[in-house]
Amino acid sequence: MNEIRKQKVESLIVSEISELVRRGLKDPRVKPHTITGVQLSDDGSYATIQLILFGGRDHQKTEEDAKIMKECLEGLNAASGYIRHHLKKSLSLKHVPNLSFKSDEGFGNAFRVNEILKLI
């Protein structure tokens, strides 16, 4: 899959999943979140979706925050078949990728680095 096509598919996946979760996913474990990125494999068979929770304190993670994120990821991963089915209906893709949801640690890491640099 060429890079331009890959970026278009990643963008479509973000918008479709965001809309589906906002209006159609009823799992109480899935809390409000923001999808920060999608990494599609070169052959388009796998997609890793990274997300952060709304109102999260990624730079000051507590056990409660980690528990909420874990439950949210469990809910999204459990619903991945339903989400793939929706993507197949709404996107014109020959093959819909297998979906995997992960927590995006980038924002918290960037904040911690910034705090360390302030100390120097």
PDB file of N, CA and C in Angstrom:
ATOM      1  N   MET A   1       0.865  -1.168   0.000  1.00  0.00           N
ATOM      2  CA  MET A   1       0.000   0.000   0.000  1.00  0.00           C
ATOM      3  C   MET A   1       0.911   1.230   0.000  1.00  0.00           C
ATOM      4  N   ASN A   2       0.652   2.161  -0.933  1.00  0.00           N
ATOM      5  CA  ASN A   2       1.512   3.342  -0.975  1.00  0.00           C
ATOM      6  C   ASN A   2       1.194   4.283   0.180  1.00  0.00           C
ATOM      7  N   GLU A   3       2.115   5.191   0.470  1.00  0.00           N
ATOM      8  CA  GLU A   3       2.028   6.052   1.655  1.00  0.00           C
ATOM      9  C   GLU A   3       0.801   6.955   1.636  1.00  0.00           C
ATOM     10  N   ILE A   4       0.469   7.523   0.488  1.00  0.00           N
ATOM     11  CA  ILE A   4      -0.690   8.423   0.405  1.00  0.00           C
ATOM     12  C   ILE A   4      -1.974   7.658   0.690  1.00  0.00           C
ATOM     13  N   ARG A   5      -2.122   6.491   0.092  1.00  0.00           N
ATOM     14  CA  ARG A   5      -3.305   5.654   0.337  1.00  0.00           C
ATOM     15  C   ARG A   5      -3.376   5.244   1.804  1.00  0.00           C
ATOM     16  N   LYS A   6      -2.238   4.892   2.368  1.00  0.00           N
ATOM     17  CA  LYS A   6      -2.175   4.481   3.775  1.00  0.00           C
ATOM     18  C   LYS A   6      -2.643   5.621   4.685  1.00  0.00           C
ATOM     19  N   GLN A   7      -2.184   6.839   4.435  1.00  0.00           N
ATOM     20  CA  GLN A   7      -2.583   7.984   5.244  1.00  0.00           C
ATOM     21  C   GLN A   7      -4.079   8.271   5.104  1.00  0.00           C
ATOM     22  N   LYS A   8      -4.623   8.119   3.914  1.00  0.00           N
ATOM     23  CA  LYS A   8      -6.062   8.335   3.706  1.00  0.00           C
ATOM     24  C   LYS A   8      -6.882   7.303   4.484  1.00  0.00           C
ATOM     25  N   VAL A   9      -6.461   6.051   4.421  1.00  0.00           N
ATOM     26  CA  VAL A   9      -7.179   4.992   5.135  1.00  0.00           C
ATOM     27  C   VAL A   9      -7.090   5.225   6.642  1.00  0.00           C
ATOM     28  N   GLU A  10      -5.909   5.610   7.144  1.00  0.00           N
ATOM     29  CA  GLU A  10      -5.753   5.899   8.571  1.00  0.00           C
ATOM     30  C   GLU A  10      -6.690   7.031   8.996  1.00  0.00           C
ATOM     31  N   SER A  11      -6.770   8.067   8.182  1.00  0.00           N
ATOM     32  CA  SER A  11      -7.649   9.197   8.487  1.00  0.00           C
ATOM     33  C   SER A  11      -9.119   8.774   8.495  1.00  0.00           C
ATOM     34  N   LEU A  12      -9.508   7.959   7.520  1.00  0.00           N
ATOM     35  CA  LEU A  12     -10.898   7.466   7.467  1.00  0.00           C
ATOM     36  C   LEU A  12     -11.225   6.605   8.681  1.00  0.00           C
ATOM     37  N   ILE A  13     -10.281   5.787   9.089  1.00  0.00           N
ATOM     38  CA  ILE A  13     -10.487   4.931  10.264  1.00  0.00           C
ATOM     39  C   ILE A  13     -10.701   5.788  11.504  1.00  0.00           C
ATOM     40  N   VAL A  14      -9.887   6.825  11.682  1.00  0.00           N
ATOM     41  CA  VAL A  14     -10.042   7.714  12.835  1.00  0.00           C
ATOM     42  C   VAL A  14     -11.431   8.333  12.854  1.00  0.00           C
ATOM     43  N   SER A  15     -11.849   8.904  11.738  1.00  0.00           N
ATOM     44  CA  SER A  15     -13.145   9.594  11.717  1.00  0.00           C
ATOM     45  C   SER A  15     -14.305   8.627  11.903  1.00  0.00           C
ATOM     46  N   GLU A  16     -14.255   7.465  11.280  1.00  0.00           N
ATOM     47  CA  GLU A  16     -15.353   6.504  11.401  1.00  0.00           C
ATOM     48  C   GLU A  16     -15.453   5.924  12.812  1.00  0.00           C
ATOM     49  N   ILE A  17     -14.327   5.562  13.400  1.00  0.00           N
ATOM     50  CA  ILE A  17     -14.358   5.002  14.751  1.00  0.00           C
ATOM     51  C   ILE A  17     -14.808   6.060  15.750  1.00  0.00           C
ATOM     52  N   SER A  18     -14.319   7.283  15.593  1.00  0.00           N
ATOM     53  CA  SER A  18     -14.733   8.361  16.498  1.00  0.00           C
ATOM     54  C   SER A  18     -16.239   8.562  16.457  1.00  0.00           C
ATOM     55  N   GLU A  19     -16.788   8.601  15.275  1.00  0.00           N
ATOM     56  CA  GLU A  19     -18.237   8.798  15.118  1.00  0.00           C
ATOM     57  C   GLU A  19     -19.014   7.600  15.666  1.00  0.00           C
ATOM     58  N   LEU A  20     -18.549   6.402  15.375  1.00  0.00           N
ATOM     59  CA  LEU A  20     -19.239   5.204  15.858  1.00  0.00           C
ATOM     60  C   LEU A  20     -19.252   5.147  17.377  1.00  0.00           C
ATOM     61  N   VAL A  21     -18.123   5.413  18.011  1.00  0.00           N
ATOM     62  CA  VAL A  21     -18.045   5.359  19.473  1.00  0.00           C
ATOM     63  C   VAL A  21     -18.918   6.451  20.085  1.00  0.00           C
ATOM     64  N   ARG A  22     -18.920   7.618  19.449  1.00  0.00           N
ATOM     65  CA  ARG A  22     -19.705   8.737  19.976  1.00  0.00           C
ATOM     66  C   ARG A  22     -21.201   8.443  19.949  1.00  0.00           C
ATOM     67  N   ARG A  23     -21.681   7.776  18.906  1.00  0.00           N
ATOM     68  CA  ARG A  23     -23.128   7.609  18.774  1.00  0.00           C
ATOM     69  C   ARG A  23     -23.642   6.177  18.885  1.00  0.00           C
ATOM     70  N   GLY A  24     -22.757   5.182  18.789  1.00  0.00           N
ATOM     71  CA  GLY A  24     -23.310   3.850  18.682  1.00  0.00           C
ATOM     72  C   GLY A  24     -22.776   2.770  19.586  1.00  0.00           C
ATOM     73  N   LEU A  25     -21.735   3.033  20.331  1.00  0.00           N
ATOM     74  CA  LEU A  25     -21.160   1.993  21.165  1.00  0.00           C
ATOM     75  C   LEU A  25     -21.716   2.120  22.577  1.00  0.00           C
ATOM     76  N   LYS A  26     -22.349   1.085  23.060  1.00  0.00           N
ATOM     77  CA  LYS A  26     -23.069   1.153  24.333  1.00  0.00           C
ATOM     78  C   LYS A  26     -22.315   0.555  25.514  1.00  0.00           C
ATOM     79  N   ASP A  27     -21.086   0.124  25.315  1.00  0.00           N
ATOM     80  CA  ASP A  27     -20.319  -0.502  26.390  1.00  0.00           C
ATOM     81  C   ASP A  27     -19.983   0.544  27.456  1.00  0.00           C
ATOM     82  N   PRO A  28     -20.413   0.321  28.706  1.00  0.00           N
ATOM     83  CA  PRO A  28     -20.150   1.311  29.761  1.00  0.00           C
ATOM     84  C   PRO A  28     -18.668   1.441  30.122  1.00  0.00           C
ATOM     85  N   ARG A  29     -17.846   0.477  29.727  1.00  0.00           N
ATOM     86  CA  ARG A  29     -16.413   0.562  30.005  1.00  0.00           C
ATOM     87  C   ARG A  29     -15.719   1.600  29.125  1.00  0.00           C
ATOM     88  N   VAL A  30     -16.338   1.894  27.976  1.00  0.00           N
ATOM     89  CA  VAL A  30     -15.719   2.826  27.028  1.00  0.00           C
ATOM     90  C   VAL A  30     -16.045   4.255  27.444  1.00  0.00           C
ATOM     91  N   LYS A  31     -15.042   4.927  27.956  1.00  0.00           N
ATOM     92  CA  LYS A  31     -15.178   6.310  28.426  1.00  0.00           C
ATOM     93  C   LYS A  31     -14.858   7.266  27.282  1.00  0.00           C
ATOM     94  N   PRO A  32     -15.267   8.539  27.416  1.00  0.00           N
ATOM     95  CA  PRO A  32     -14.934   9.527  26.376  1.00  0.00           C
ATOM     96  C   PRO A  32     -13.410   9.614  26.184  1.00  0.00           C
ATOM     97  N   HIS A  33     -13.005   9.585  24.933  1.00  0.00           N
ATOM     98  CA  HIS A  33     -11.585   9.573  24.620  1.00  0.00           C
ATOM     99  C   HIS A  33     -11.316  10.287  23.302  1.00  0.00           C
ATOM    100  N   THR A  34     -10.063  10.487  23.024  1.00  0.00           N
ATOM    101  CA  THR A  34      -9.609  11.060  21.769  1.00  0.00           C
ATOM    102  C   THR A  34      -8.660  10.075  21.110  1.00  0.00           C
ATOM    103  N   ILE A  35      -8.896   9.799  19.848  1.00  0.00           N
ATOM    104  CA  ILE A  35      -7.975   8.958  19.092  1.00  0.00           C
ATOM    105  C   ILE A  35      -6.834   9.854  18.624  1.00  0.00           C
ATOM    106  N   THR A  36      -5.626   9.516  19.047  1.00  0.00           N
ATOM    107  CA  THR A  36      -4.472  10.353  18.729  1.00  0.00           C
ATOM    108  C   THR A  36      -3.701   9.863  17.514  1.00  0.00           C
ATOM    109  N   GLY A  37      -3.956   8.636  17.107  1.00  0.00           N
ATOM    110  CA  GLY A  37      -3.246   8.136  15.935  1.00  0.00           C
ATOM    111  C   GLY A  37      -3.654   6.738  15.558  1.00  0.00           C
ATOM    112  N   VAL A  38      -3.404   6.419  14.310  1.00  0.00           N
ATOM    113  CA  VAL A  38      -3.630   5.076  13.792  1.00  0.00           C
ATOM    114  C   VAL A  38      -2.386   4.675  13.023  1.00  0.00           C
ATOM    115  N   GLN A  39      -1.859   3.500  13.310  1.00  0.00           N
ATOM    116  CA  GLN A  39      -0.744   2.962  12.546  1.00  0.00           C
ATOM    117  C   GLN A  39      -1.257   1.746  11.787  1.00  0.00           C
ATOM    118  N   LEU A  40      -1.292   1.882  10.492  1.00  0.00           N
ATOM    119  CA  LEU A  40      -1.739   0.813   9.613  1.00  0.00           C
ATOM    120  C   LEU A  40      -0.516   0.048   9.138  1.00  0.00           C
ATOM    121  N   SER A  41      -0.577  -1.279   9.169  1.00  0.00           N
ATOM    122  CA  SER A  41       0.557  -2.070   8.687  1.00  0.00           C
ATOM    123  C   SER A  41       0.735  -1.835   7.188  1.00  0.00           C
ATOM    124  N   ASP A  42       1.897  -2.163   6.677  1.00  0.00           N
ATOM    125  CA  ASP A  42       2.196  -1.913   5.266  1.00  0.00           C
ATOM    126  C   ASP A  42       1.236  -2.622   4.320  1.00  0.00           C
ATOM    127  N   ASP A  43       0.773  -3.805   4.718  1.00  0.00           N
ATOM    128  CA  ASP A  43      -0.159  -4.519   3.852  1.00  0.00           C
ATOM    129  C   ASP A  43      -1.623  -4.198   4.172  1.00  0.00           C
ATOM    130  N   GLY A  44      -1.858  -3.357   5.178  1.00  0.00           N
ATOM    131  CA  GLY A  44      -3.212  -2.929   5.508  1.00  0.00           C
ATOM    132  C   GLY A  44      -4.030  -3.944   6.276  1.00  0.00           C
ATOM    133  N   SER A  45      -3.385  -4.984   6.805  1.00  0.00           N
ATOM    134  CA  SER A  45      -4.152  -6.029   7.489  1.00  0.00           C
ATOM    135  C   SER A  45      -4.319  -5.779   8.985  1.00  0.00           C
ATOM    136  N   TYR A  46      -3.505  -4.897   9.551  1.00  0.00           N
ATOM    137  CA  TYR A  46      -3.596  -4.584  10.977  1.00  0.00           C
ATOM    138  C   TYR A  46      -3.573  -3.069  11.181  1.00  0.00           C
ATOM    139  N   ALA A  47      -4.360  -2.621  12.134  1.00  0.00           N
ATOM    140  CA  ALA A  47      -4.362  -1.209  12.502  1.00  0.00           C
ATOM    141  C   ALA A  47      -4.304  -1.108  14.025  1.00  0.00           C
ATOM    142  N   THR A  48      -3.354  -0.330  14.516  1.00  0.00           N
ATOM    143  CA  THR A  48      -3.241  -0.061  15.942  1.00  0.00           C
ATOM    144  C   THR A  48      -3.743   1.346  16.171  1.00  0.00           C
ATOM    145  N   ILE A  49      -4.766   1.477  17.001  1.00  0.00           N
ATOM    146  CA  ILE A  49      -5.389   2.763  17.280  1.00  0.00           C
ATOM    147  C   ILE A  49      -4.932   3.210  18.661  1.00  0.00           C
ATOM    148  N   GLN A  50      -4.314   4.392  18.733  1.00  0.00           N
ATOM    149  CA  GLN A  50      -3.844   4.936  20.004  1.00  0.00           C
ATOM    150  C   GLN A  50      -4.827   5.993  20.482  1.00  0.00           C
ATOM    151  N   LEU A  51      -5.045   6.023  21.806  1.00  0.00           N
ATOM    152  CA  LEU A  51      -6.002   6.982  22.335  1.00  0.00           C
ATOM    153  C   LEU A  51      -5.614   7.458  23.722  1.00  0.00           C
ATOM    154  N   ILE A  52      -6.183   8.608  24.091  1.00  0.00           N
ATOM    155  CA  ILE A  52      -6.078   9.142  25.438  1.00  0.00           C
ATOM    156  C   ILE A  52      -7.492   9.435  25.913  1.00  0.00           C
ATOM    157  N   LEU A  53      -7.678   9.413  27.219  1.00  0.00           N
ATOM    158  CA  LEU A  53      -8.989   9.696  27.793  1.00  0.00           C
ATOM    159  C   LEU A  53      -9.193  11.195  27.936  1.00  0.00           C
ATOM    160  N   PHE A  54     -10.442  11.642  27.785  1.00  0.00           N
ATOM    161  CA  PHE A  54     -10.771  13.040  28.052  1.00  0.00           C
ATOM    162  C   PHE A  54     -10.532  13.323  29.521  1.00  0.00           C
ATOM    163  N   GLY A  55     -10.034  14.494  29.794  1.00  0.00           N
ATOM    164  CA  GLY A  55      -9.837  14.889  31.190  1.00  0.00           C
ATOM    165  C   GLY A  55      -8.771  14.097  31.895  1.00  0.00           C
ATOM    166  N   GLY A  56      -8.021  13.327  31.124  1.00  0.00           N
ATOM    167  CA  GLY A  56      -6.974  12.514  31.727  1.00  0.00           C
ATOM    168  C   GLY A  56      -5.818  13.370  32.183  1.00  0.00           C
ATOM    169  N   ARG A  57      -5.119  12.863  33.148  1.00  0.00           N
ATOM    170  CA  ARG A  57      -3.929  13.532  33.647  1.00  0.00           C
ATOM    171  C   ARG A  57      -2.746  12.646  33.280  1.00  0.00           C
ATOM    172  N   ASP A  58      -2.447  12.589  31.967  1.00  0.00           N
ATOM    173  CA  ASP A  58      -1.408  11.675  31.501  1.00  0.00           C
ATOM    174  C   ASP A  58      -0.064  11.942  32.150  1.00  0.00           C
ATOM    175  N   HIS A  59       0.168  13.188  32.554  1.00  0.00           N
ATOM    176  CA  HIS A  59       1.446  13.508  33.164  1.00  0.00           C
ATOM    177  C   HIS A  59       1.477  13.138  34.644  1.00  0.00           C
ATOM    178  N   GLN A  60       0.321  12.846  35.246  1.00  0.00           N
ATOM    179  CA  GLN A  60       0.250  12.464  36.659  1.00  0.00           C
ATOM    180  C   GLN A  60      -0.662  11.249  36.803  1.00  0.00           C
ATOM    181  N   LYS A  61      -0.302  10.162  36.169  1.00  0.00           N
ATOM    182  CA  LYS A  61      -1.153   8.983  36.194  1.00  0.00           C
ATOM    183  C   LYS A  61      -1.270   8.413  37.593  1.00  0.00           C
ATOM    184  N   THR A  62      -2.496   8.117  37.960  1.00  0.00           N
ATOM    185  CA  THR A  62      -2.760   7.454  39.226  1.00  0.00           C
ATOM    186  C   THR A  62      -3.217   6.040  38.926  1.00  0.00           C
ATOM    187  N   GLU A  63      -3.354   5.250  39.964  1.00  0.00           N
ATOM    188  CA  GLU A  63      -3.857   3.889  39.772  1.00  0.00           C
ATOM    189  C   GLU A  63      -5.272   3.913  39.226  1.00  0.00           C
ATOM    190  N   GLU A  64      -6.073   4.879  39.671  1.00  0.00           N
ATOM    191  CA  GLU A  64      -7.451   5.000  39.186  1.00  0.00           C
ATOM    192  C   GLU A  64      -7.479   5.313  37.691  1.00  0.00           C
ATOM    193  N   ASP A  65      -6.613   6.240  37.249  1.00  0.00           N
ATOM    194  CA  ASP A  65      -6.534   6.569  35.820  1.00  0.00           C
ATOM    195  C   ASP A  65      -6.136   5.343  35.003  1.00  0.00           C
ATOM    196  N   ALA A  66      -5.170   4.595  35.510  1.00  0.00           N
ATOM    197  CA  ALA A  66      -4.710   3.396  34.808  1.00  0.00           C
ATOM    198  C   ALA A  66      -5.825   2.357  34.724  1.00  0.00           C
ATOM    199  N   LYS A  67      -6.604   2.228  35.796  1.00  0.00           N
ATOM    200  CA  LYS A  67      -7.713   1.273  35.809  1.00  0.00           C
ATOM    201  C   LYS A  67      -8.788   1.676  34.804  1.00  0.00           C
ATOM    202  N   ILE A  68      -9.115   2.962  34.756  1.00  0.00           N
ATOM    203  CA  ILE A  68     -10.131   3.450  33.814  1.00  0.00           C
ATOM    204  C   ILE A  68      -9.661   3.223  32.379  1.00  0.00           C
ATOM    205  N   MET A  69      -8.394   3.517  32.093  1.00  0.00           N
ATOM    206  CA  MET A  69      -7.854   3.310  30.754  1.00  0.00           C
ATOM    207  C   MET A  69      -7.878   1.836  30.384  1.00  0.00           C
ATOM    208  N   LYS A  70      -7.495   0.975  31.329  1.00  0.00           N
ATOM    209  CA  LYS A  70      -7.488  -0.462  31.061  1.00  0.00           C
ATOM    210  C   LYS A  70      -8.899  -0.950  30.723  1.00  0.00           C
ATOM    211  N   GLU A  71      -9.897  -0.507  31.473  1.00  0.00           N
ATOM    212  CA  GLU A  71     -11.278  -0.901  31.201  1.00  0.00           C
ATOM    213  C   GLU A  71     -11.746  -0.381  29.850  1.00  0.00           C
ATOM    214  N   CYS A  72     -11.379   0.854  29.528  1.00  0.00           N
ATOM    215  CA  CYS A  72     -11.759   1.435  28.247  1.00  0.00           C
ATOM    216  C   CYS A  72     -11.153   0.633  27.096  1.00  0.00           C
ATOM    217  N   LEU A  73      -9.875   0.289  27.215  1.00  0.00           N
ATOM    218  CA  LEU A  73      -9.211  -0.494  26.174  1.00  0.00           C
ATOM    219  C   LEU A  73      -9.824  -1.884  26.055  1.00  0.00           C
ATOM    220  N   GLU A  74     -10.176  -2.487  27.197  1.00  0.00           N
ATOM    221  CA  GLU A  74     -10.833  -3.800  27.164  1.00  0.00           C
ATOM    222  C   GLU A  74     -12.167  -3.714  26.425  1.00  0.00           C
ATOM    223  N   GLY A  75     -12.932  -2.656  26.711  1.00  0.00           N
ATOM    224  CA  GLY A  75     -14.218  -2.472  26.039  1.00  0.00           C
ATOM    225  C   GLY A  75     -14.062  -2.275  24.544  1.00  0.00           C
ATOM    226  N   LEU A  76     -13.101  -1.458  24.147  1.00  0.00           N
ATOM    227  CA  LEU A  76     -12.873  -1.216  22.715  1.00  0.00           C
ATOM    228  C   LEU A  76     -12.358  -2.465  22.017  1.00  0.00           C
ATOM    229  N   ASN A  77     -11.428  -3.182  22.652  1.00  0.00           N
ATOM    230  CA  ASN A  77     -10.915  -4.412  22.040  1.00  0.00           C
ATOM    231  C   ASN A  77     -12.009  -5.477  21.953  1.00  0.00           C
ATOM    232  N   ALA A  78     -12.905  -5.521  22.940  1.00  0.00           N
ATOM    233  CA  ALA A  78     -14.019  -6.467  22.892  1.00  0.00           C
ATOM    234  C   ALA A  78     -14.988  -6.120  21.766  1.00  0.00           C
ATOM    235  N   ALA A  79     -15.116  -4.834  21.470  1.00  0.00           N
ATOM    236  CA  ALA A  79     -16.031  -4.386  20.419  1.00  0.00           C
ATOM    237  C   ALA A  79     -15.358  -4.291  19.056  1.00  0.00           C
ATOM    238  N   SER A  80     -14.117  -4.735  18.934  1.00  0.00           N
ATOM    239  CA  SER A  80     -13.389  -4.560  17.671  1.00  0.00           C
ATOM    240  C   SER A  80     -14.074  -5.272  16.500  1.00  0.00           C
ATOM    241  N   GLY A  81     -14.713  -6.408  16.742  1.00  0.00           N
ATOM    242  CA  GLY A  81     -15.450  -7.092  15.673  1.00  0.00           C
ATOM    243  C   GLY A  81     -16.614  -6.251  15.175  1.00  0.00           C
ATOM    244  N   TYR A  82     -17.362  -5.671  16.100  1.00  0.00           N
ATOM    245  CA  TYR A  82     -18.472  -4.784  15.744  1.00  0.00           C
ATOM    246  C   TYR A  82     -17.966  -3.557  14.991  1.00  0.00           C
ATOM    247  N   ILE A  83     -16.846  -3.001  15.461  1.00  0.00           N
ATOM    248  CA  ILE A  83     -16.276  -1.818  14.819  1.00  0.00           C
ATOM    249  C   ILE A  83     -15.790  -2.170  13.411  1.00  0.00           C
ATOM    250  N   ARG A  84     -15.147  -3.321  13.245  1.00  0.00           N
ATOM    251  CA  ARG A  84     -14.702  -3.762  11.912  1.00  0.00           C
ATOM    252  C   ARG A  84     -15.890  -3.932  10.978  1.00  0.00           C
ATOM    253  N   HIS A  85     -16.970  -4.514  11.484  1.00  0.00           N
ATOM    254  CA  HIS A  85     -18.182  -4.701  10.667  1.00  0.00           C
ATOM    255  C   HIS A  85     -18.708  -3.348  10.199  1.00  0.00           C
ATOM    256  N   HIS A  86     -18.731  -2.377  11.098  1.00  0.00           N
ATOM    257  CA  HIS A  86     -19.181  -1.033  10.727  1.00  0.00           C
ATOM    258  C   HIS A  86     -18.242  -0.419   9.686  1.00  0.00           C
ATOM    259  N   LEU A  87     -16.928  -0.591   9.863  1.00  0.00           N
ATOM    260  CA  LEU A  87     -15.972  -0.054   8.895  1.00  0.00           C
ATOM    261  C   LEU A  87     -16.154  -0.684   7.521  1.00  0.00           C
ATOM    262  N   LYS A  88     -16.444  -1.976   7.505  1.00  0.00           N
ATOM    263  CA  LYS A  88     -16.657  -2.665   6.224  1.00  0.00           C
ATOM    264  C   LYS A  88     -17.861  -2.094   5.497  1.00  0.00           C
ATOM    265  N   LYS A  89     -18.915  -1.747   6.241  1.00  0.00           N
ATOM    266  CA  LYS A  89     -20.103  -1.180   5.617  1.00  0.00           C
ATOM    267  C   LYS A  89     -19.887   0.258   5.168  1.00  0.00           C
ATOM    268  N   SER A  90     -19.118   1.032   5.924  1.00  0.00           N
ATOM    269  CA  SER A  90     -19.020   2.458   5.646  1.00  0.00           C
ATOM    270  C   SER A  90     -17.831   2.850   4.761  1.00  0.00           C
ATOM    271  N   LEU A  91     -16.791   2.048   4.733  1.00  0.00           N
ATOM    272  CA  LEU A  91     -15.619   2.357   3.916  1.00  0.00           C
ATOM    273  C   LEU A  91     -15.561   1.401   2.731  1.00  0.00           C
ATOM    274  N   SER A  92     -15.039   1.881   1.655  1.00  0.00           N
ATOM    275  CA  SER A  92     -14.926   1.025   0.466  1.00  0.00           C
ATOM    276  C   SER A  92     -13.532   0.393   0.426  1.00  0.00           C
ATOM    277  N   LEU A  93     -13.310  -0.503   1.369  1.00  0.00           N
ATOM    278  CA  LEU A  93     -12.035  -1.214   1.441  1.00  0.00           C
ATOM    279  C   LEU A  93     -12.248  -2.674   1.067  1.00  0.00           C
ATOM    280  N   LYS A  94     -11.293  -3.211   0.333  1.00  0.00           N
ATOM    281  CA  LYS A  94     -11.377  -4.620  -0.017  1.00  0.00           C
ATOM    282  C   LYS A  94     -11.213  -5.488   1.235  1.00  0.00           C
ATOM    283  N   HIS A  95     -10.259  -5.099   2.068  1.00  0.00           N
ATOM    284  CA  HIS A  95     -10.013  -5.814   3.323  1.00  0.00           C
ATOM    285  C   HIS A  95      -9.977  -4.805   4.462  1.00  0.00           C
ATOM    286  N   VAL A  96     -10.783  -5.047   5.487  1.00  0.00           N
ATOM    287  CA  VAL A  96     -10.788  -4.185   6.668  1.00  0.00           C
ATOM    288  C   VAL A  96      -9.736  -4.734   7.636  1.00  0.00           C
ATOM    289  N   PRO A  97      -8.870  -3.878   8.139  1.00  0.00           N
ATOM    290  CA  PRO A  97      -7.797  -4.369   9.014  1.00  0.00           C
ATOM    291  C   PRO A  97      -8.314  -4.870  10.359  1.00  0.00           C
ATOM    292  N   ASN A  98      -7.560  -5.787  10.953  1.00  0.00           N
ATOM    293  CA  ASN A  98      -7.808  -6.187  12.332  1.00  0.00           C
ATOM    294  C   ASN A  98      -7.436  -5.010  13.216  1.00  0.00           C
ATOM    295  N   LEU A  99      -8.251  -4.744  14.230  1.00  0.00           N
ATOM    296  CA  LEU A  99      -8.065  -3.558  15.054  1.00  0.00           C
ATOM    297  C   LEU A  99      -7.505  -3.920  16.422  1.00  0.00           C
ATOM    298  N   SER A 100      -6.601  -3.081  16.896  1.00  0.00           N
ATOM    299  CA  SER A 100      -6.037  -3.218  18.223  1.00  0.00           C
ATOM    300  C   SER A 100      -5.978  -1.825  18.836  1.00  0.00           C
ATOM    301  N   PHE A 101      -6.463  -1.675  20.059  1.00  0.00           N
ATOM    302  CA  PHE A 101      -6.499  -0.375  20.727  1.00  0.00           C
ATOM    303  C   PHE A 101      -5.433  -0.337  21.819  1.00  0.00           C
ATOM    304  N   LYS A 102      -4.698   0.773  21.862  1.00  0.00           N
ATOM    305  CA  LYS A 102      -3.619   0.945  22.831  1.00  0.00           C
ATOM    306  C   LYS A 102      -3.678   2.353  23.418  1.00  0.00           C
ATOM    307  N   SER A 103      -3.157   2.495  24.606  1.00  0.00           N
ATOM    308  CA  SER A 103      -3.041   3.796  25.257  1.00  0.00           C
ATOM    309  C   SER A 103      -1.877   4.557  24.644  1.00  0.00           C
ATOM    310  N   ASP A 104      -2.069   5.835  24.366  1.00  0.00           N
ATOM    311  CA  ASP A 104      -1.003   6.671  23.818  1.00  0.00           C
ATOM    312  C   ASP A 104      -0.224   7.288  24.974  1.00  0.00           C
ATOM    313  N   GLU A 105       0.989   6.850  25.148  1.00  0.00           N
ATOM    314  CA  GLU A 105       1.830   7.322  26.245  1.00  0.00           C
ATOM    315  C   GLU A 105       2.643   8.551  25.850  1.00  0.00           C
ATOM    316  N   GLY A 106       2.557   8.973  24.621  1.00  0.00           N
ATOM    317  CA  GLY A 106       3.386  10.059  24.111  1.00  0.00           C
ATOM    318  C   GLY A 106       3.187  11.380  24.828  1.00  0.00           C
ATOM    319  N   PHE A 107       1.933  11.727  25.124  1.00  0.00           N
ATOM    320  CA  PHE A 107       1.675  13.008  25.784  1.00  0.00           C
ATOM    321  C   PHE A 107       2.249  13.040  27.200  1.00  0.00           C
ATOM    322  N   GLY A 108       2.082  11.977  27.927  1.00  0.00           N
ATOM    323  CA  GLY A 108       2.634  11.905  29.279  1.00  0.00           C
ATOM    324  C   GLY A 108       4.147  11.928  29.261  1.00  0.00           C
ATOM    325  N   ASN A 109       4.748  11.216  28.312  1.00  0.00           N
ATOM    326  CA  ASN A 109       6.209  11.206  28.202  1.00  0.00           C
ATOM    327  C   ASN A 109       6.738  12.596  27.861  1.00  0.00           C
ATOM    328  N   ALA A 110       6.068  13.284  26.939  1.00  0.00           N
ATOM    329  CA  ALA A 110       6.496  14.634  26.559  1.00  0.00           C
ATOM    330  C   ALA A 110       6.409  15.585  27.755  1.00  0.00           C
ATOM    331  N   PHE A 111       5.363  15.459  28.541  1.00  0.00           N
ATOM    332  CA  PHE A 111       5.230  16.316  29.719  1.00  0.00           C
ATOM    333  C   PHE A 111       6.344  16.052  30.719  1.00  0.00           C
ATOM    334  N   ARG A 112       6.652  14.768  30.949  1.00  0.00           N
ATOM    335  CA  ARG A 112       7.708  14.425  31.900  1.00  0.00           C
ATOM    336  C   ARG A 112       9.072  14.950  31.427  1.00  0.00           C
ATOM    337  N   VAL A 113       9.351  14.847  30.138  1.00  0.00           N
ATOM    338  CA  VAL A 113      10.608  15.370  29.603  1.00  0.00           C
ATOM    339  C   VAL A 113      10.667  16.882  29.788  1.00  0.00           C
ATOM    340  N   ASN A 114       9.553  17.554  29.521  1.00  0.00           N
ATOM    341  CA  ASN A 114       9.493  19.001  29.694  1.00  0.00           C
ATOM    342  C   ASN A 114       9.752  19.390  31.151  1.00  0.00           C
ATOM    343  N   GLU A 115       9.182  18.656  32.093  1.00  0.00           N
ATOM    344  CA  GLU A 115       9.406  18.921  33.510  1.00  0.00           C
ATOM    345  C   GLU A 115      10.869  18.735  33.896  1.00  0.00           C
ATOM    346  N   ILE A 116      11.495  17.708  33.358  1.00  0.00           N
ATOM    347  CA  ILE A 116      12.912  17.444  33.631  1.00  0.00           C
ATOM    348  C   ILE A 116      13.766  18.572  33.067  1.00  0.00           C
ATOM    349  N   LEU A 117      13.428  19.012  31.865  1.00  0.00           N
ATOM    350  CA  LEU A 117      14.199  20.103  31.247  1.00  0.00           C
ATOM    351  C   LEU A 117      14.058  21.411  32.015  1.00  0.00           C
ATOM    352  N   LYS A 118      12.912  21.622  32.639  1.00  0.00           N
ATOM    353  CA  LYS A 118      12.730  22.825  33.462  1.00  0.00           C
ATOM    354  C   LYS A 118      13.648  22.825  34.678  1.00  0.00           C
ATOM    355  N   LEU A 119      13.964  21.626  35.167  1.00  0.00           N
ATOM    356  CA  LEU A 119      14.836  21.508  36.343  1.00  0.00           C
ATOM    357  C   LEU A 119      16.291  21.806  36.019  1.00  0.00           C
ATOM    358  N   ILE A 120      16.645  21.706  34.769  1.00  0.00           N
ATOM    359  CA  ILE A 120      18.045  21.900  34.363  1.00  0.00           C
ATOM    360  C   ILE A 120      18.364  23.372  34.240  1.00  0.00           C
TER     361      ILE A 120
END
